[in-house]
Amino acid sequence: MKAISRILAVAIIMVLILLAAGACSKKADITLTANNDGAVIEVNRGDIIEIALKGDPSTGNIWVTESFDDTIFSQVTGVDFKLNPDLTGEGDFQVFHFMALKSGLGTLQLAYRRALIMDTLPEKVFTVDVLVR
């Protein structure tokens, strides 16, 4: 009986890992950049919102998730770092992914700040209001 319980527990864990990996690998339904700062956008429940912002971690600053309504959104991945294909030495992109969980109006806010000194004022703030249908 104990062996069956262990096998069942392992099987459930594997299914959860595969489901989480599938959610993270889903292509973004909308991609936002610094040009969308201050915008109001509309998405559907289940949509993945990608936010790609230029940043240069070698300066000591990084983009971090400042705030979001976790009843409306879920951050489905940690931050991804992507090389800037256009400009060498001009900084790369930090990419965040959020899933719209339920209908409502919520705000996604990211801050560009010192990586090791999180209680200082951010150098930049990115904010977008999202209406989830």
N, C-alpha and C. Protein backbone atom coordinates (compact mmCIF):
# COMPACT_ATOMS: atom_id res chain seq x y z
N MET A 1 0.82 -1.20 0.00
CA MET A 1 0.00 0.00 0.00
C MET A 1 0.87 1.26 0.00
N LYS A 2 1.97 1.22 0.80
CA LYS A 2 2.87 2.37 0.85
C LYS A 2 3.51 2.61 -0.52
N ALA A 3 3.85 1.55 -1.21
CA ALA A 3 4.49 1.67 -2.53
C ALA A 3 3.54 2.31 -3.53
N ILE A 4 2.29 1.95 -3.49
CA ILE A 4 1.30 2.52 -4.40
C ILE A 4 1.12 4.01 -4.11
N SER A 5 1.10 4.38 -2.85
CA SER A 5 0.98 5.79 -2.47
C SER A 5 2.17 6.60 -2.98
N ARG A 6 3.37 6.04 -2.87
CA ARG A 6 4.56 6.73 -3.37
C ARG A 6 4.52 6.88 -4.88
N ILE A 7 4.14 5.84 -5.57
CA ILE A 7 4.06 5.90 -7.03
C ILE A 7 3.03 6.94 -7.45
N LEU A 8 1.90 6.96 -6.78
CA LEU A 8 0.86 7.93 -7.09
C LEU A 8 1.35 9.36 -6.81
N ALA A 9 2.05 9.56 -5.71
CA ALA A 9 2.57 10.89 -5.38
C ALA A 9 3.58 11.34 -6.43
N VAL A 10 4.47 10.45 -6.85
CA VAL A 10 5.46 10.79 -7.88
C VAL A 10 4.76 11.12 -9.20
N ALA A 11 3.74 10.35 -9.55
CA ALA A 11 3.01 10.59 -10.79
C ALA A 11 2.32 11.96 -10.76
N ILE A 12 1.73 12.31 -9.63
CA ILE A 12 1.07 13.61 -9.51
C ILE A 12 2.09 14.74 -9.62
N ILE A 13 3.23 14.59 -8.98
CA ILE A 13 4.29 15.60 -9.06
C ILE A 13 4.76 15.77 -10.50
N MET A 14 4.94 14.68 -11.22
CA MET A 14 5.38 14.74 -12.62
C MET A 14 4.35 15.47 -13.48
N VAL A 15 3.08 15.19 -13.28
CA VAL A 15 2.03 15.86 -14.05
C VAL A 15 2.05 17.36 -13.76
N LEU A 16 2.20 17.74 -12.50
CA LEU A 16 2.25 19.16 -12.15
C LEU A 16 3.46 19.85 -12.77
N ILE A 17 4.59 19.19 -12.80
CA ILE A 17 5.78 19.75 -13.43
C ILE A 17 5.55 19.94 -14.92
N LEU A 18 4.96 18.97 -15.58
CA LEU A 18 4.69 19.08 -17.01
C LEU A 18 3.68 20.19 -17.31
N LEU A 19 2.66 20.33 -16.47
CA LEU A 19 1.69 21.41 -16.66
C LEU A 19 2.35 22.77 -16.47
N ALA A 20 3.20 22.90 -15.47
CA ALA A 20 3.90 24.17 -15.25
C ALA A 20 4.83 24.48 -16.42
N ALA A 21 5.52 23.49 -16.92
CA ALA A 21 6.41 23.71 -18.06
C ALA A 21 5.62 24.12 -19.29
N GLY A 22 4.46 23.54 -19.48
CA GLY A 22 3.61 23.91 -20.62
C GLY A 22 3.13 25.34 -20.52
N ALA A 23 2.76 25.79 -19.32
CA ALA A 23 2.32 27.17 -19.14
C ALA A 23 3.45 28.14 -19.42
N CYS A 24 4.67 27.77 -19.03
CA CYS A 24 5.82 28.66 -19.23
C CYS A 24 6.25 28.71 -20.68
N SER A 25 5.97 27.64 -21.43
CA SER A 25 6.46 27.60 -22.80
C SER A 25 5.43 28.14 -23.80
N LYS A 26 4.24 28.47 -23.34
CA LYS A 26 3.23 29.02 -24.23
C LYS A 26 3.71 30.36 -24.79
N LYS A 27 3.52 30.54 -26.07
CA LYS A 27 3.92 31.78 -26.72
C LYS A 27 3.07 32.94 -26.19
N ALA A 28 3.72 34.08 -26.05
CA ALA A 28 3.01 35.26 -25.55
C ALA A 28 1.91 35.68 -26.51
N ASP A 29 0.78 36.08 -25.96
CA ASP A 29 -0.33 36.59 -26.77
C ASP A 29 -0.14 38.07 -27.09
N ILE A 30 0.59 38.77 -26.24
CA ILE A 30 0.88 40.19 -26.47
C ILE A 30 2.25 40.50 -25.88
N THR A 31 3.04 41.27 -26.60
CA THR A 31 4.36 41.68 -26.12
C THR A 31 4.37 43.19 -25.94
N LEU A 32 4.79 43.61 -24.76
CA LEU A 32 4.87 45.03 -24.44
C LEU A 32 6.34 45.44 -24.30
N THR A 33 6.63 46.69 -24.64
CA THR A 33 7.97 47.24 -24.50
C THR A 33 7.87 48.58 -23.77
N ALA A 34 8.99 49.25 -23.63
CA ALA A 34 9.00 50.57 -22.97
C ALA A 34 8.04 51.54 -23.65
N ASN A 35 7.77 51.34 -24.93
CA ASN A 35 6.83 52.21 -25.66
C ASN A 35 5.40 52.11 -25.11
N ASN A 36 5.10 51.03 -24.38
CA ASN A 36 3.76 50.82 -23.83
C ASN A 36 3.61 51.35 -22.40
N ASP A 37 4.67 51.96 -21.86
CA ASP A 37 4.61 52.48 -20.50
C ASP A 37 3.45 53.47 -20.37
N GLY A 38 2.60 53.26 -19.36
CA GLY A 38 1.46 54.14 -19.12
C GLY A 38 0.22 53.78 -19.93
N ALA A 39 0.30 52.75 -20.74
CA ALA A 39 -0.82 52.38 -21.61
C ALA A 39 -1.88 51.60 -20.85
N VAL A 40 -3.06 51.53 -21.47
CA VAL A 40 -4.13 50.64 -21.02
C VAL A 40 -4.33 49.64 -22.15
N ILE A 41 -4.22 48.35 -21.83
CA ILE A 41 -4.38 47.31 -22.85
C ILE A 41 -5.51 46.37 -22.46
N GLU A 42 -6.02 45.64 -23.43
CA GLU A 42 -7.06 44.65 -23.19
C GLU A 42 -6.55 43.28 -23.60
N VAL A 43 -6.81 42.28 -22.76
CA VAL A 43 -6.44 40.90 -23.05
C VAL A 43 -7.60 40.00 -22.64
N ASN A 44 -7.50 38.75 -23.01
CA ASN A 44 -8.50 37.76 -22.62
C ASN A 44 -7.96 36.90 -21.48
N ARG A 45 -8.86 36.31 -20.70
CA ARG A 45 -8.44 35.37 -19.66
C ARG A 45 -7.60 34.27 -20.30
N GLY A 46 -6.51 33.91 -19.64
CA GLY A 46 -5.63 32.87 -20.15
C GLY A 46 -4.51 33.39 -21.04
N ASP A 47 -4.61 34.65 -21.47
CA ASP A 47 -3.56 35.23 -22.31
C ASP A 47 -2.26 35.39 -21.52
N ILE A 48 -1.16 35.24 -22.23
CA ILE A 48 0.17 35.49 -21.66
C ILE A 48 0.63 36.87 -22.13
N ILE A 49 0.98 37.71 -21.16
CA ILE A 49 1.48 39.05 -21.43
C ILE A 49 2.99 39.02 -21.24
N GLU A 50 3.72 39.38 -22.27
CA GLU A 50 5.18 39.43 -22.20
C GLU A 50 5.60 40.89 -22.11
N ILE A 51 6.48 41.21 -21.18
CA ILE A 51 7.02 42.57 -21.06
C ILE A 51 8.52 42.47 -21.24
N ALA A 52 9.04 43.12 -22.30
CA ALA A 52 10.47 43.09 -22.62
C ALA A 52 11.02 44.51 -22.49
N LEU A 53 11.91 44.69 -21.52
CA LEU A 53 12.47 46.01 -21.24
C LEU A 53 13.99 45.98 -21.32
N LYS A 54 14.55 47.03 -21.92
CA LYS A 54 16.00 47.13 -22.03
C LYS A 54 16.60 47.35 -20.65
N GLY A 55 17.67 46.64 -20.41
CA GLY A 55 18.38 46.81 -19.15
C GLY A 55 19.80 46.31 -19.30
N ASP A 56 20.66 46.78 -18.45
CA ASP A 56 22.06 46.37 -18.50
C ASP A 56 22.50 45.99 -17.09
N PRO A 57 22.42 44.70 -16.74
CA PRO A 57 22.77 44.28 -15.38
C PRO A 57 24.21 44.61 -14.99
N SER A 58 25.08 44.85 -15.98
CA SER A 58 26.47 45.17 -15.65
C SER A 58 26.59 46.53 -14.95
N THR A 59 25.53 47.36 -15.01
CA THR A 59 25.52 48.65 -14.32
C THR A 59 25.12 48.49 -12.86
N GLY A 60 24.68 47.30 -12.49
CA GLY A 60 24.18 47.08 -11.13
C GLY A 60 22.69 47.24 -11.01
N ASN A 61 22.02 47.67 -12.09
CA ASN A 61 20.57 47.84 -12.08
C ASN A 61 19.90 46.68 -12.81
N ILE A 62 18.74 46.27 -12.31
CA ILE A 62 17.94 45.25 -12.96
C ILE A 62 16.46 45.65 -12.87
N TRP A 63 15.68 45.11 -13.80
CA TRP A 63 14.22 45.25 -13.71
C TRP A 63 13.70 44.21 -12.73
N VAL A 64 12.79 44.60 -11.86
CA VAL A 64 12.16 43.69 -10.91
C VAL A 64 10.66 43.94 -10.93
N THR A 65 9.91 42.91 -10.59
CA THR A 65 8.46 43.05 -10.47
C THR A 65 8.18 43.88 -9.22
N GLU A 66 7.59 45.02 -9.41
CA GLU A 66 7.30 45.92 -8.29
C GLU A 66 5.96 45.56 -7.65
N SER A 67 4.92 45.42 -8.49
CA SER A 67 3.61 45.06 -7.95
C SER A 67 2.68 44.58 -9.06
N PHE A 68 1.75 43.70 -8.67
CA PHE A 68 0.66 43.27 -9.54
C PHE A 68 -0.40 42.61 -8.66
N ASP A 69 -1.63 42.62 -9.13
CA ASP A 69 -2.75 42.02 -8.41
C ASP A 69 -2.72 40.52 -8.67
N ASP A 70 -2.34 39.73 -7.65
CA ASP A 70 -2.20 38.29 -7.86
C ASP A 70 -3.53 37.55 -7.90
N THR A 71 -4.64 38.27 -7.77
CA THR A 71 -5.93 37.63 -8.01
C THR A 71 -6.31 37.71 -9.48
N ILE A 72 -5.66 38.63 -10.22
CA ILE A 72 -5.94 38.79 -11.65
C ILE A 72 -4.81 38.23 -12.51
N PHE A 73 -3.56 38.32 -12.01
CA PHE A 73 -2.39 37.89 -12.79
C PHE A 73 -1.56 36.87 -12.02
N SER A 74 -0.85 36.07 -12.78
CA SER A 74 0.15 35.18 -12.22
C SER A 74 1.44 35.39 -13.00
N GLN A 75 2.56 35.56 -12.30
CA GLN A 75 3.84 35.65 -13.01
C GLN A 75 4.26 34.22 -13.31
N VAL A 76 4.26 33.85 -14.60
CA VAL A 76 4.45 32.45 -14.97
C VAL A 76 5.90 32.05 -15.15
N THR A 77 6.80 32.99 -15.19
CA THR A 77 8.23 32.66 -15.23
C THR A 77 8.97 33.70 -14.42
N GLY A 78 10.19 33.37 -14.09
CA GLY A 78 11.06 34.39 -13.53
C GLY A 78 11.49 35.28 -14.67
N VAL A 79 12.41 36.16 -14.41
CA VAL A 79 12.89 37.05 -15.47
C VAL A 79 13.84 36.28 -16.39
N ASP A 80 13.67 36.50 -17.69
CA ASP A 80 14.57 35.93 -18.70
C ASP A 80 15.44 37.06 -19.22
N PHE A 81 16.69 36.75 -19.50
CA PHE A 81 17.59 37.74 -20.09
C PHE A 81 17.80 37.37 -21.55
N LYS A 82 17.55 38.32 -22.45
CA LYS A 82 17.73 38.08 -23.88
C LYS A 82 18.67 39.11 -24.45
N LEU A 83 19.57 38.64 -25.31
CA LEU A 83 20.52 39.55 -25.95
C LEU A 83 19.81 40.46 -26.92
N ASN A 84 20.26 41.70 -26.99
CA ASN A 84 19.75 42.66 -27.94
C ASN A 84 20.36 42.32 -29.31
N PRO A 85 19.56 41.86 -30.27
CA PRO A 85 20.12 41.45 -31.55
C PRO A 85 20.58 42.61 -32.43
N ASP A 86 20.11 43.82 -32.12
CA ASP A 86 20.39 44.96 -32.99
C ASP A 86 21.64 45.74 -32.63
N LEU A 87 21.88 45.89 -31.34
CA LEU A 87 22.94 46.81 -30.91
C LEU A 87 23.89 46.14 -29.93
N THR A 88 25.13 46.00 -30.32
CA THR A 88 26.13 45.47 -29.42
C THR A 88 26.52 46.54 -28.42
N GLY A 89 26.57 46.19 -27.15
CA GLY A 89 26.96 47.14 -26.12
C GLY A 89 25.88 48.11 -25.70
N GLU A 90 24.67 47.95 -26.22
CA GLU A 90 23.58 48.87 -25.90
C GLU A 90 22.63 48.33 -24.83
N GLY A 91 23.01 47.27 -24.18
CA GLY A 91 22.13 46.68 -23.17
C GLY A 91 21.24 45.61 -23.78
N ASP A 92 20.85 44.71 -22.96
CA ASP A 92 20.02 43.59 -23.39
C ASP A 92 18.61 43.78 -22.85
N PHE A 93 17.79 42.76 -23.04
CA PHE A 93 16.40 42.83 -22.59
C PHE A 93 16.18 41.90 -21.41
N GLN A 94 15.38 42.35 -20.46
CA GLN A 94 14.86 41.50 -19.42
C GLN A 94 13.40 41.27 -19.76
N VAL A 95 12.99 40.02 -19.74
CA VAL A 95 11.65 39.65 -20.21
C VAL A 95 10.87 38.98 -19.08
N PHE A 96 9.67 39.49 -18.85
CA PHE A 96 8.76 38.96 -17.83
C PHE A 96 7.51 38.41 -18.51
N HIS A 97 6.91 37.37 -17.93
CA HIS A 97 5.67 36.80 -18.46
C HIS A 97 4.63 36.71 -17.35
N PHE A 98 3.44 37.21 -17.66
CA PHE A 98 2.32 37.16 -16.74
C PHE A 98 1.13 36.52 -17.45
N MET A 99 0.34 35.74 -16.71
CA MET A 99 -0.89 35.16 -17.27
C MET A 99 -2.08 35.89 -16.66
N ALA A 100 -3.05 36.23 -17.51
CA ALA A 100 -4.30 36.84 -17.06
C ALA A 100 -5.21 35.72 -16.55
N LEU A 101 -5.48 35.73 -15.25
CA LEU A 101 -6.22 34.64 -14.62
C LEU A 101 -7.73 34.80 -14.65
N LYS A 102 -8.20 36.05 -14.42
CA LYS A 102 -9.65 36.27 -14.35
C LYS A 102 -9.97 37.68 -14.82
N SER A 103 -11.21 37.89 -15.13
CA SER A 103 -11.65 39.20 -15.62
C SER A 103 -11.48 40.26 -14.55
N GLY A 104 -11.15 41.46 -15.01
CA GLY A 104 -10.99 42.59 -14.10
C GLY A 104 -9.97 43.57 -14.64
N LEU A 105 -9.75 44.63 -13.89
CA LEU A 105 -8.77 45.64 -14.25
C LEU A 105 -7.65 45.59 -13.23
N GLY A 106 -6.43 45.44 -13.71
CA GLY A 106 -5.29 45.37 -12.81
C GLY A 106 -4.09 46.09 -13.40
N THR A 107 -3.12 46.35 -12.57
CA THR A 107 -1.92 47.06 -12.98
C THR A 107 -0.70 46.15 -12.82
N LEU A 108 0.15 46.17 -13.84
CA LEU A 108 1.45 45.50 -13.76
C LEU A 108 2.50 46.60 -13.65
N GLN A 109 3.35 46.50 -12.63
CA GLN A 109 4.37 47.55 -12.45
C GLN A 109 5.73 46.90 -12.22
N LEU A 110 6.70 47.34 -13.01
CA LEU A 110 8.08 46.88 -12.90
C LEU A 110 8.96 48.08 -12.57
N ALA A 111 10.05 47.84 -11.86
CA ALA A 111 10.96 48.93 -11.48
C ALA A 111 12.39 48.56 -11.85
N TYR A 112 13.14 49.55 -12.33
CA TYR A 112 14.55 49.39 -12.67
C TYR A 112 15.35 49.99 -11.53
N ARG A 113 16.01 49.12 -10.76
CA ARG A 113 16.68 49.57 -9.56
C ARG A 113 17.95 48.78 -9.29
N ARG A 114 18.72 49.26 -8.32
CA ARG A 114 19.94 48.59 -7.90
C ARG A 114 19.61 47.19 -7.42
N ALA A 115 20.32 46.21 -7.91
CA ALA A 115 20.04 44.81 -7.59
C ALA A 115 20.24 44.51 -6.10
N LEU A 116 21.22 45.11 -5.49
CA LEU A 116 21.54 44.78 -4.11
C LEU A 116 20.95 45.74 -3.09
N ILE A 117 20.35 46.83 -3.56
CA ILE A 117 19.79 47.84 -2.65
C ILE A 117 18.34 48.08 -3.06
N MET A 118 17.47 47.16 -2.66
CA MET A 118 16.09 47.19 -3.13
C MET A 118 15.24 48.27 -2.45
N ASP A 119 15.71 48.87 -1.37
CA ASP A 119 14.88 49.85 -0.68
C ASP A 119 15.15 51.29 -1.14
N THR A 120 15.88 51.45 -2.23
CA THR A 120 16.10 52.79 -2.79
C THR A 120 15.04 53.08 -3.85
N LEU A 121 14.89 54.34 -4.21
CA LEU A 121 13.94 54.70 -5.26
C LEU A 121 14.42 54.13 -6.60
N PRO A 122 13.50 53.63 -7.41
CA PRO A 122 13.91 53.09 -8.70
C PRO A 122 14.37 54.18 -9.66
N GLU A 123 15.26 53.81 -10.56
CA GLU A 123 15.71 54.75 -11.59
C GLU A 123 14.62 54.98 -12.63
N LYS A 124 13.88 53.89 -12.94
CA LYS A 124 12.76 53.96 -13.90
C LYS A 124 11.64 53.07 -13.38
N VAL A 125 10.42 53.37 -13.81
CA VAL A 125 9.26 52.54 -13.49
C VAL A 125 8.47 52.32 -14.76
N PHE A 126 8.04 51.08 -15.00
CA PHE A 126 7.19 50.73 -16.13
C PHE A 126 5.84 50.32 -15.55
N THR A 127 4.77 50.95 -16.03
CA THR A 127 3.43 50.64 -15.53
C THR A 127 2.49 50.47 -16.71
N VAL A 128 1.67 49.45 -16.65
CA VAL A 128 0.62 49.26 -17.66
C VAL A 128 -0.64 48.78 -16.94
N ASP A 129 -1.78 49.35 -17.32
CA ASP A 129 -3.07 48.92 -16.80
C ASP A 129 -3.65 47.92 -17.79
N VAL A 130 -4.15 46.81 -17.25
CA VAL A 130 -4.63 45.72 -18.11
C VAL A 130 -6.08 45.41 -17.79
N LEU A 131 -6.92 45.48 -18.80
CA LEU A 131 -8.31 45.07 -18.68
C LEU A 131 -8.41 43.64 -19.19
N VAL A 132 -8.73 42.72 -18.30
CA VAL A 132 -8.86 41.31 -18.67
C VAL A 132 -10.33 41.01 -18.92
N ARG A 133 -10.64 40.56 -20.15
CA ARG A 133 -12.02 40.22 -20.53
C ARG A 133 -12.31 38.77 -20.28
